[in-house]
């Protein structure tokens, strides 16, 4: 069972998508653009860092140790990209929701 894939999807993607569908439209245009710009920038940075970390043995993945799906993108398991691409929108969504809820100037 792909535990990591399911966990990352439920913890990061579901809340971030709910935020994007229901709350992002209520934010000022500048914050919406900032949300998408920051998400895109972090996606690019995370892809570069993922392959650098793999190249310099900062971390590795083993099917014997980690229960992964088995799909790889350039040597990195697909779960890594689900994590990287889900964590940034999730963290931004939490921050912007908090700022809107408590009327803080973000």
N, C-alpha and C. Protein backbone atom coordinates (compact mmCIF):
# COMPACT_ATOMS: atom_id res chain seq x y z
N UNK A 1 0.85 -1.19 0.00
CA UNK A 1 0.00 0.00 0.00
C UNK A 1 0.89 1.25 0.00
N UNK A 2 0.62 2.19 -0.86
CA UNK A 2 1.44 3.41 -0.95
C UNK A 2 1.12 4.40 0.18
N UNK A 3 1.64 4.11 1.36
CA UNK A 3 1.31 4.89 2.56
C UNK A 3 1.73 6.34 2.41
N UNK A 4 2.93 6.59 1.94
CA UNK A 4 3.41 7.96 1.83
C UNK A 4 2.58 8.77 0.84
N UNK A 5 2.24 8.19 -0.27
CA UNK A 5 1.45 8.88 -1.29
C UNK A 5 0.08 9.27 -0.75
N UNK A 6 -0.56 8.36 -0.07
CA UNK A 6 -1.88 8.64 0.51
C UNK A 6 -1.77 9.68 1.62
N UNK A 7 -0.79 9.55 2.47
CA UNK A 7 -0.60 10.49 3.57
C UNK A 7 -0.35 11.90 3.06
N UNK A 8 0.56 12.05 2.12
CA UNK A 8 0.87 13.39 1.59
C UNK A 8 -0.34 13.98 0.88
N UNK A 9 -1.09 13.16 0.19
CA UNK A 9 -2.27 13.66 -0.51
C UNK A 9 -3.31 14.16 0.48
N UNK A 10 -3.57 13.39 1.51
CA UNK A 10 -4.58 13.78 2.49
C UNK A 10 -4.13 14.97 3.32
N UNK A 11 -2.88 14.98 3.75
CA UNK A 11 -2.40 16.05 4.62
C UNK A 11 -2.15 17.37 3.90
N UNK A 12 -1.69 17.32 2.66
CA UNK A 12 -1.30 18.54 1.97
C UNK A 12 -2.24 18.93 0.84
N UNK A 13 -2.51 18.01 -0.06
CA UNK A 13 -3.25 18.38 -1.27
C UNK A 13 -4.73 18.67 -1.00
N UNK A 14 -5.38 17.86 -0.19
CA UNK A 14 -6.81 18.07 0.05
C UNK A 14 -7.06 19.43 0.71
N UNK A 15 -6.37 19.78 1.82
CA UNK A 15 -6.61 21.11 2.41
C UNK A 15 -6.21 22.25 1.47
N UNK A 16 -5.11 22.10 0.76
CA UNK A 16 -4.67 23.17 -0.14
C UNK A 16 -5.66 23.37 -1.28
N UNK A 17 -6.20 22.29 -1.82
CA UNK A 17 -7.20 22.42 -2.89
C UNK A 17 -8.50 23.01 -2.37
N UNK A 18 -8.90 22.63 -1.17
CA UNK A 18 -10.09 23.23 -0.57
C UNK A 18 -9.90 24.73 -0.38
N UNK A 19 -8.71 25.12 0.08
CA UNK A 19 -8.40 26.54 0.23
C UNK A 19 -8.48 27.24 -1.13
N UNK A 20 -7.86 26.65 -2.13
CA UNK A 20 -7.82 27.27 -3.46
C UNK A 20 -9.24 27.43 -4.04
N UNK A 21 -10.08 26.44 -3.83
CA UNK A 21 -11.43 26.50 -4.40
C UNK A 21 -12.37 27.43 -3.64
N UNK A 22 -12.24 27.47 -2.31
CA UNK A 22 -13.23 28.19 -1.51
C UNK A 22 -12.77 29.52 -0.95
N UNK A 23 -11.50 29.67 -0.62
CA UNK A 23 -11.06 30.90 0.04
C UNK A 23 -10.18 31.79 -0.81
N UNK A 24 -9.46 31.22 -1.75
CA UNK A 24 -8.51 32.02 -2.53
C UNK A 24 -9.22 33.11 -3.31
N UNK A 25 -10.40 32.85 -3.81
CA UNK A 25 -11.15 33.84 -4.57
C UNK A 25 -11.59 35.04 -3.75
N UNK A 26 -11.64 34.90 -2.44
CA UNK A 26 -12.05 35.99 -1.56
C UNK A 26 -10.90 36.90 -1.17
N UNK A 27 -9.69 36.51 -1.50
CA UNK A 27 -8.53 37.33 -1.17
C UNK A 27 -8.32 38.40 -2.23
N UNK A 28 -7.64 39.48 -1.86
CA UNK A 28 -7.32 40.50 -2.87
C UNK A 28 -6.47 39.91 -4.00
N UNK A 29 -6.56 40.51 -5.16
CA UNK A 29 -5.87 40.01 -6.35
C UNK A 29 -4.36 39.88 -6.13
N UNK A 30 -3.77 40.83 -5.42
CA UNK A 30 -2.32 40.80 -5.18
C UNK A 30 -1.92 39.57 -4.37
N UNK A 31 -2.72 39.21 -3.40
CA UNK A 31 -2.41 38.02 -2.59
C UNK A 31 -2.60 36.74 -3.38
N UNK A 32 -3.61 36.71 -4.25
CA UNK A 32 -3.80 35.53 -5.11
C UNK A 32 -2.61 35.35 -6.03
N UNK A 33 -2.17 36.45 -6.65
CA UNK A 33 -1.00 36.37 -7.53
C UNK A 33 0.24 35.95 -6.76
N UNK A 34 0.38 36.48 -5.55
CA UNK A 34 1.51 36.10 -4.70
C UNK A 34 1.48 34.63 -4.33
N UNK A 35 0.29 34.12 -4.05
CA UNK A 35 0.13 32.70 -3.73
C UNK A 35 0.63 31.83 -4.88
N UNK A 36 0.18 32.13 -6.10
CA UNK A 36 0.57 31.32 -7.26
C UNK A 36 2.03 31.52 -7.62
N UNK A 37 2.54 32.75 -7.48
CA UNK A 37 3.96 33.00 -7.78
C UNK A 37 4.86 32.26 -6.80
N UNK A 38 4.52 32.32 -5.52
CA UNK A 38 5.33 31.62 -4.51
C UNK A 38 5.26 30.11 -4.70
N UNK A 39 4.08 29.60 -5.03
CA UNK A 39 3.94 28.16 -5.28
C UNK A 39 4.78 27.72 -6.47
N UNK A 40 4.75 28.50 -7.54
CA UNK A 40 5.54 28.15 -8.73
C UNK A 40 7.04 28.25 -8.46
N UNK A 41 7.45 29.29 -7.75
CA UNK A 41 8.88 29.44 -7.44
C UNK A 41 9.37 28.29 -6.57
N UNK A 42 8.60 27.93 -5.56
CA UNK A 42 9.01 26.84 -4.69
C UNK A 42 8.98 25.49 -5.40
N UNK A 43 8.07 25.33 -6.35
CA UNK A 43 8.05 24.09 -7.13
C UNK A 43 9.34 23.96 -7.93
N UNK A 44 9.77 25.04 -8.56
CA UNK A 44 11.01 25.01 -9.33
C UNK A 44 12.21 24.76 -8.43
N UNK A 45 12.27 25.46 -7.32
CA UNK A 45 13.40 25.29 -6.39
C UNK A 45 13.42 23.87 -5.83
N UNK A 46 12.26 23.34 -5.50
CA UNK A 46 12.22 22.00 -4.90
C UNK A 46 12.65 20.92 -5.88
N UNK A 47 12.34 21.07 -7.15
CA UNK A 47 12.79 20.08 -8.14
C UNK A 47 14.31 20.11 -8.24
N UNK A 48 14.88 21.29 -8.32
CA UNK A 48 16.34 21.41 -8.39
C UNK A 48 16.99 20.84 -7.14
N UNK A 49 16.46 21.21 -5.97
CA UNK A 49 17.05 20.72 -4.72
C UNK A 49 16.90 19.21 -4.58
N UNK A 50 15.78 18.66 -5.02
CA UNK A 50 15.58 17.21 -4.94
C UNK A 50 16.68 16.46 -5.68
N UNK A 51 16.96 16.90 -6.90
CA UNK A 51 17.99 16.20 -7.68
C UNK A 51 19.39 16.47 -7.16
N UNK A 52 19.63 17.67 -6.62
CA UNK A 52 20.94 17.93 -5.99
C UNK A 52 21.12 17.05 -4.76
N UNK A 53 20.10 16.93 -3.94
CA UNK A 53 20.19 16.09 -2.74
C UNK A 53 20.40 14.63 -3.10
N UNK A 54 19.76 14.17 -4.15
CA UNK A 54 19.97 12.80 -4.59
C UNK A 54 21.38 12.61 -5.16
N UNK A 55 21.84 13.58 -5.93
CA UNK A 55 23.17 13.48 -6.55
C UNK A 55 24.28 13.45 -5.50
N UNK A 56 24.14 14.27 -4.46
CA UNK A 56 25.19 14.35 -3.44
C UNK A 56 24.90 13.49 -2.22
N UNK A 57 24.02 12.52 -2.37
CA UNK A 57 23.71 11.54 -1.32
C UNK A 57 23.29 12.16 0.00
N UNK A 58 22.56 13.27 -0.07
CA UNK A 58 22.00 13.84 1.16
C UNK A 58 20.91 12.90 1.67
N UNK A 59 20.12 12.32 0.75
CA UNK A 59 19.18 11.28 1.10
C UNK A 59 19.07 10.30 -0.04
N UNK A 60 18.47 9.18 0.25
CA UNK A 60 18.27 8.14 -0.75
C UNK A 60 16.94 7.45 -0.47
N UNK A 61 16.50 6.66 -1.40
CA UNK A 61 15.23 5.95 -1.25
C UNK A 61 15.44 4.49 -1.59
N UNK A 62 14.92 3.64 -0.76
CA UNK A 62 15.03 2.21 -0.96
C UNK A 62 13.65 1.59 -0.84
N UNK A 63 13.30 0.77 -1.80
CA UNK A 63 12.02 0.10 -1.77
C UNK A 63 11.94 -0.89 -0.60
N UNK A 64 13.09 -1.39 -0.14
CA UNK A 64 13.10 -2.32 0.99
C UNK A 64 12.79 -1.61 2.30
N UNK A 65 13.22 -0.36 2.42
CA UNK A 65 13.01 0.41 3.65
C UNK A 65 11.70 1.18 3.59
N UNK A 66 11.49 1.89 2.48
CA UNK A 66 10.31 2.74 2.31
C UNK A 66 9.27 2.04 1.45
N UNK A 67 8.04 2.08 1.89
CA UNK A 67 6.95 1.49 1.09
C UNK A 67 6.46 2.53 0.11
N UNK A 68 7.06 2.55 -1.06
CA UNK A 68 6.74 3.53 -2.09
C UNK A 68 5.94 2.89 -3.21
N UNK A 69 5.34 3.73 -4.03
CA UNK A 69 4.57 3.24 -5.17
C UNK A 69 5.48 2.54 -6.17
N UNK A 70 6.68 3.07 -6.36
CA UNK A 70 7.62 2.48 -7.29
C UNK A 70 7.82 3.32 -8.55
N UNK A 71 6.99 4.35 -8.73
CA UNK A 71 7.15 5.23 -9.88
C UNK A 71 8.25 6.22 -9.57
N UNK A 72 9.13 6.44 -10.55
CA UNK A 72 10.24 7.38 -10.35
C UNK A 72 10.26 8.40 -11.48
N UNK A 73 10.66 9.60 -11.12
CA UNK A 73 10.84 10.67 -12.09
C UNK A 73 12.30 11.08 -11.99
N UNK A 74 13.10 10.62 -12.93
CA UNK A 74 14.52 10.94 -12.92
C UNK A 74 15.25 10.41 -11.70
N UNK A 75 14.83 9.30 -11.16
CA UNK A 75 15.49 8.71 -10.01
C UNK A 75 14.85 9.05 -8.68
N UNK A 76 13.98 10.02 -8.65
CA UNK A 76 13.29 10.41 -7.42
C UNK A 76 11.89 9.80 -7.42
N UNK A 77 11.47 9.25 -6.28
CA UNK A 77 10.12 8.67 -6.24
C UNK A 77 9.05 9.74 -6.38
N UNK A 78 7.93 9.36 -6.96
CA UNK A 78 6.84 10.30 -7.21
C UNK A 78 6.31 10.89 -5.90
N UNK A 79 6.44 10.15 -4.79
CA UNK A 79 5.99 10.66 -3.49
C UNK A 79 6.71 11.95 -3.10
N UNK A 80 7.95 12.08 -3.50
CA UNK A 80 8.70 13.30 -3.19
C UNK A 80 8.06 14.52 -3.84
N UNK A 81 7.62 14.37 -5.07
CA UNK A 81 7.02 15.49 -5.78
C UNK A 81 5.62 15.78 -5.26
N UNK A 82 4.90 14.74 -4.85
CA UNK A 82 3.60 14.97 -4.22
C UNK A 82 3.80 15.77 -2.93
N UNK A 83 4.85 15.43 -2.19
CA UNK A 83 5.14 16.17 -0.96
C UNK A 83 5.56 17.61 -1.27
N UNK A 84 6.56 17.77 -2.12
CA UNK A 84 7.09 19.11 -2.41
C UNK A 84 6.03 20.02 -3.00
N UNK A 85 5.27 19.51 -3.95
CA UNK A 85 4.29 20.36 -4.63
C UNK A 85 3.03 20.57 -3.79
N UNK A 86 2.83 19.78 -2.76
CA UNK A 86 1.68 19.96 -1.89
C UNK A 86 1.98 20.77 -0.64
N UNK A 87 3.20 20.69 -0.15
CA UNK A 87 3.54 21.36 1.11
C UNK A 87 3.52 22.87 0.97
N UNK A 88 4.03 23.41 -0.11
CA UNK A 88 4.07 24.87 -0.27
C UNK A 88 2.68 25.48 -0.34
N UNK A 89 1.78 25.01 -1.21
CA UNK A 89 0.44 25.59 -1.19
C UNK A 89 -0.27 25.40 0.14
N UNK A 90 -0.02 24.28 0.81
CA UNK A 90 -0.63 24.05 2.11
C UNK A 90 -0.16 25.07 3.13
N UNK A 91 1.15 25.28 3.22
CA UNK A 91 1.69 26.25 4.19
C UNK A 91 1.22 27.67 3.86
N UNK A 92 1.21 28.02 2.59
CA UNK A 92 0.71 29.34 2.20
C UNK A 92 -0.77 29.49 2.51
N UNK A 93 -1.54 28.43 2.31
CA UNK A 93 -2.96 28.46 2.60
C UNK A 93 -3.21 28.66 4.10
N UNK A 94 -2.44 27.99 4.92
CA UNK A 94 -2.57 28.16 6.37
C UNK A 94 -2.25 29.59 6.76
N UNK A 95 -1.17 30.11 6.23
CA UNK A 95 -0.77 31.48 6.54
C UNK A 95 -1.82 32.50 6.09
N UNK A 96 -2.28 32.40 4.86
CA UNK A 96 -3.25 33.36 4.35
C UNK A 96 -4.62 33.22 5.04
N UNK A 97 -5.00 31.99 5.39
CA UNK A 97 -6.25 31.79 6.12
C UNK A 97 -6.16 32.41 7.51
N UNK A 98 -5.04 32.21 8.16
CA UNK A 98 -4.83 32.80 9.47
C UNK A 98 -4.88 34.32 9.38
N UNK A 99 -4.21 34.89 8.39
CA UNK A 99 -4.19 36.33 8.22
C UNK A 99 -5.59 36.88 7.95
N UNK A 100 -6.36 36.17 7.12
CA UNK A 100 -7.71 36.62 6.82
C UNK A 100 -8.62 36.46 8.03
N UNK A 101 -8.50 35.36 8.73
CA UNK A 101 -9.34 35.08 9.87
C UNK A 101 -9.14 36.11 11.00
N UNK A 102 -7.89 36.45 11.24
CA UNK A 102 -7.58 37.38 12.32
C UNK A 102 -7.32 38.79 11.83
N UNK A 103 -7.62 39.06 10.56
CA UNK A 103 -7.50 40.38 9.96
C UNK A 103 -6.12 40.99 10.12
N UNK A 104 -5.10 40.15 10.01
CA UNK A 104 -3.73 40.63 10.09
C UNK A 104 -3.30 41.07 8.70
N UNK A 105 -2.46 42.07 8.65
CA UNK A 105 -1.89 42.48 7.37
C UNK A 105 -0.70 41.58 7.08
N UNK A 106 -0.85 40.74 6.07
CA UNK A 106 0.22 39.78 5.74
C UNK A 106 1.20 40.38 4.78
